[in-house]
Amino acid sequence: MPSVVGLLEQREVAARRRVDGLREEADRIQAELAVAEREWQEWAIARSRVGEVLTPVDESGQDHAQSDGTASAMRQVEETSSAPPAAKSKSQVPVWREGLAWSVLSVDYQRILQVLAGRARLRQGPLTCQEMAAAFGMDVVPAKVEALRSKAKRLVARGWLAERQPGQFTLVDAVASQSGDGS
């Protein structure tokens, strides 16, 4: 007969897997939304440009489109652009590319990068999730460790971290050379 603790652990693992799956689905949807918004902005700009070209120029040399259609299309684009970037949401991790600042990540992900950057500077090698939990002052319990592992694995999948040995995480060399300043 299984123990109560064992049953609870099984349910916790199943719930964690469901959360991980939903986070990945949310990340995918956020990425699709960002692409769709960018495409929409490009179409709005294209429409305004065509409006400029097709609008006759009056005798003073002023383009009528400047004052009406273009201005409203540009306002729409600016309003959309002023929305916070999708990468700031809690669980979205963009794929790392040259020049991408750490600030695009949520605070939890930045903390992981910072602790690993400190270790890299001191040439101390990779960290396990248990060691990360301890470094953050968290209780080293399965739920906390697994939450960190999920974040670390997501950072590995997006090119920010490397897992050269199972369960041991370190910064990718190019990310380490950034030192968190985005330059």
Protein backbone atom coordinates (compact mmCIF):
# COMPACT_ATOMS: atom_id res chain seq x y z
CA MET A 1 0.00 0.00 0.00
CA PRO A 2 1.54 3.36 -1.03
CA SER A 3 2.29 5.96 1.60
CA VAL A 4 0.45 9.26 1.81
CA VAL A 5 3.70 11.14 1.23
CA GLY A 6 4.38 9.04 -1.85
CA LEU A 7 0.91 9.76 -3.22
CA LEU A 8 1.37 13.47 -2.54
CA GLU A 9 4.71 13.47 -4.32
CA GLN A 10 3.15 11.74 -7.34
CA ARG A 11 0.41 14.37 -7.49
CA GLU A 12 2.95 17.17 -7.04
CA VAL A 13 5.06 15.83 -9.92
CA ALA A 14 1.97 15.52 -12.13
CA ALA A 15 0.90 19.08 -11.27
CA ARG A 16 4.43 20.39 -11.94
CA ARG A 17 4.47 18.67 -15.33
CA ARG A 18 1.11 20.22 -16.18
CA VAL A 19 2.37 23.67 -15.12
CA ASP A 20 5.53 23.21 -17.21
CA GLY A 21 3.44 22.18 -20.21
CA LEU A 22 1.13 25.14 -19.82
CA ARG A 23 4.09 27.52 -19.42
CA GLU A 24 5.62 26.20 -22.62
CA GLU A 25 2.29 26.61 -24.41
CA ALA A 26 1.98 30.16 -23.03
CA ASP A 27 5.52 30.92 -24.24
CA ARG A 28 4.63 29.64 -27.69
CA ILE A 29 1.44 31.71 -27.79
CA GLN A 30 3.29 34.84 -26.56
CA ALA A 31 5.85 34.38 -29.33
CA GLU A 32 3.08 33.96 -31.93
CA LEU A 33 1.36 37.07 -30.56
CA ALA A 34 4.56 39.12 -30.86
CA VAL A 35 4.97 38.00 -34.49
CA ALA A 36 1.31 38.77 -35.28
CA GLU A 37 1.55 42.23 -33.68
CA ARG A 38 4.71 43.01 -35.63
CA GLU A 39 3.03 41.90 -38.87
CA TRP A 40 -0.02 44.03 -38.08
CA GLN A 41 2.23 47.06 -37.48
CA GLU A 42 4.00 46.48 -40.78
CA TRP A 43 0.66 46.33 -42.63
CA ALA A 44 -0.50 49.56 -40.95
CA ILE A 45 2.72 51.27 -42.01
CA ALA A 46 2.42 49.88 -45.54
CA ARG A 47 -1.16 51.16 -45.80
CA SER A 48 -0.12 54.60 -44.63
CA ARG A 49 2.79 54.68 -47.11
CA VAL A 50 0.52 53.70 -50.01
CA GLY A 51 -1.92 56.39 -48.86
CA GLU A 52 0.90 58.94 -48.99
CA VAL A 53 1.89 57.89 -52.49
CA LEU A 54 -1.67 57.89 -53.83
CA THR A 55 -2.70 61.20 -52.25
CA PRO A 56 -2.19 64.16 -54.58
CA VAL A 57 0.21 66.89 -53.54
CA ASP A 58 -1.41 70.33 -53.33
CA GLU A 59 0.14 73.43 -54.85
CA SER A 60 1.97 74.39 -51.67
CA GLY A 61 3.85 71.08 -51.85
CA GLN A 62 2.08 69.69 -48.78
CA ASP A 63 0.95 66.10 -48.89
CA HIS A 64 -2.67 65.69 -47.70
CA ALA A 65 -1.89 62.21 -46.35
CA GLN A 66 0.53 63.74 -43.86
CA SER A 67 -2.31 65.32 -41.94
CA ASP A 68 -4.93 62.57 -41.97
CA GLY A 69 -4.40 58.88 -42.89
CA THR A 70 -0.71 58.64 -42.10
CA ALA A 71 -1.06 60.27 -38.71
CA SER A 72 -3.80 57.88 -37.58
CA ALA A 73 -1.90 54.80 -38.82
CA MET A 74 1.27 55.97 -37.10
CA ARG A 75 -0.66 56.60 -33.85
CA GLN A 76 -1.92 53.00 -33.98
CA VAL A 77 1.61 51.70 -34.43
CA GLU A 78 2.94 53.89 -31.60
CA GLU A 79 0.17 52.76 -29.24
CA THR A 80 1.00 49.13 -29.94
CA SER A 81 4.73 49.81 -29.62
CA SER A 82 4.29 51.40 -26.21
CA ALA A 83 2.87 48.19 -24.79
CA PRO A 84 5.36 46.35 -22.60
CA PRO A 85 7.41 43.79 -24.52
CA ALA A 86 6.12 40.23 -24.40
CA ALA A 87 9.47 39.07 -23.03
CA LYS A 88 8.74 40.80 -19.72
CA SER A 89 5.93 38.40 -18.87
CA LYS A 90 6.65 36.10 -15.99
CA SER A 91 7.63 32.94 -17.84
CA GLN A 92 8.70 34.02 -21.31
CA VAL A 93 12.34 33.45 -22.16
CA PRO A 94 13.41 34.67 -25.59
CA VAL A 95 16.02 32.77 -27.55
CA TRP A 96 19.40 34.32 -26.77
CA ARG A 97 21.08 36.29 -29.52
CA GLU A 98 24.07 38.61 -29.61
CA GLY A 99 23.34 41.91 -27.88
CA LEU A 100 20.18 40.73 -26.09
CA ALA A 101 20.20 42.28 -22.61
CA TRP A 102 19.46 40.26 -19.49
CA SER A 103 16.76 42.81 -18.68
CA VAL A 104 14.40 41.11 -21.17
CA LEU A 105 14.12 38.26 -18.67
CA SER A 106 11.99 38.24 -15.54
CA VAL A 107 13.71 38.85 -12.22
CA ASP A 108 13.79 35.12 -11.37
CA TYR A 109 15.70 34.29 -14.56
CA GLN A 110 18.04 37.26 -14.07
CA ARG A 111 18.88 35.99 -10.57
CA ILE A 112 19.88 32.62 -12.00
CA LEU A 113 22.13 34.30 -14.58
CA GLN A 114 23.66 36.59 -11.94
CA VAL A 115 24.58 33.78 -9.56
CA LEU A 116 26.09 31.77 -12.42
CA ALA A 117 27.94 34.86 -13.70
CA GLY A 118 29.44 35.32 -10.23
CA ARG A 119 30.62 31.73 -10.23
CA ALA A 120 32.06 32.11 -13.72
CA ARG A 121 34.01 35.21 -12.65
CA LEU A 122 35.44 33.25 -9.74
CA ARG A 123 36.03 30.23 -11.99
CA GLN A 124 34.01 28.03 -9.65
CA GLY A 125 32.25 25.94 -12.28
CA PRO A 126 28.63 24.91 -12.73
CA LEU A 127 25.87 24.87 -10.12
CA THR A 128 23.17 22.32 -9.38
CA CYS A 129 19.61 23.44 -8.68
CA GLN A 130 20.01 22.50 -5.01
CA GLU A 131 23.05 24.79 -4.79
CA MET A 132 21.12 27.57 -6.55
CA ALA A 133 18.25 27.21 -4.06
CA ALA A 134 20.71 27.49 -1.18
CA ALA A 135 22.41 30.50 -2.83
CA PHE A 136 19.03 32.24 -3.09
CA GLY A 137 18.29 31.51 0.58
CA MET A 138 15.41 29.20 -0.34
CA ASP A 139 14.45 26.04 1.49
CA VAL A 140 16.11 23.17 -0.36
CA VAL A 141 12.92 21.16 -0.77
CA PRO A 142 11.80 19.26 -3.88
CA ALA A 143 9.16 21.83 -4.92
CA LYS A 144 11.62 24.76 -4.83
CA VAL A 145 14.42 22.80 -6.47
CA GLU A 146 12.12 21.56 -9.26
CA ALA A 147 10.88 25.11 -9.90
CA LEU A 148 14.50 26.23 -10.30
CA ARG A 149 15.26 23.22 -12.49
CA SER A 150 12.34 24.11 -14.75
CA LYS A 151 13.65 27.67 -15.13
CA ALA A 152 17.22 26.49 -15.70
CA LYS A 153 16.11 23.96 -18.33
CA ARG A 154 14.11 26.70 -20.09
CA LEU A 155 17.24 28.91 -20.11
CA VAL A 156 19.22 25.98 -21.56
CA ALA A 157 16.60 25.41 -24.26
CA ARG A 158 16.69 29.11 -25.22
CA GLY A 159 20.51 29.28 -25.38
CA TRP A 160 21.27 31.29 -22.21
CA LEU A 161 22.70 28.41 -20.14
CA ALA A 162 24.61 25.23 -20.83
CA GLU A 163 24.12 21.88 -19.11
CA ARG A 164 27.35 20.09 -19.95
CA GLN A 165 26.69 17.45 -17.28
CA PRO A 166 23.17 16.44 -16.25
CA GLY A 167 21.84 18.75 -13.54
CA GLN A 168 24.85 21.10 -13.60
CA PHE A 169 24.23 24.52 -15.12
CA THR A 170 26.58 27.23 -16.28
CA LEU A 171 26.36 30.30 -18.49
CA VAL A 172 26.97 29.91 -22.20
CA ASP A 173 30.31 31.61 -22.97
CA ALA A 174 28.76 34.38 -25.10
CA VAL A 175 26.21 35.17 -22.36
CA ALA A 176 28.94 35.17 -19.71
CA SER A 177 30.94 37.73 -21.70
CA GLN A 178 27.94 40.12 -21.52
CA SER A 179 28.05 40.28 -17.72
CA GLY A 180 24.38 41.27 -17.63
CA ASP A 181 24.82 44.76 -19.10
CA GLY A 182 23.40 43.92 -22.52
CA SER A 183 26.43 45.20 -24.40
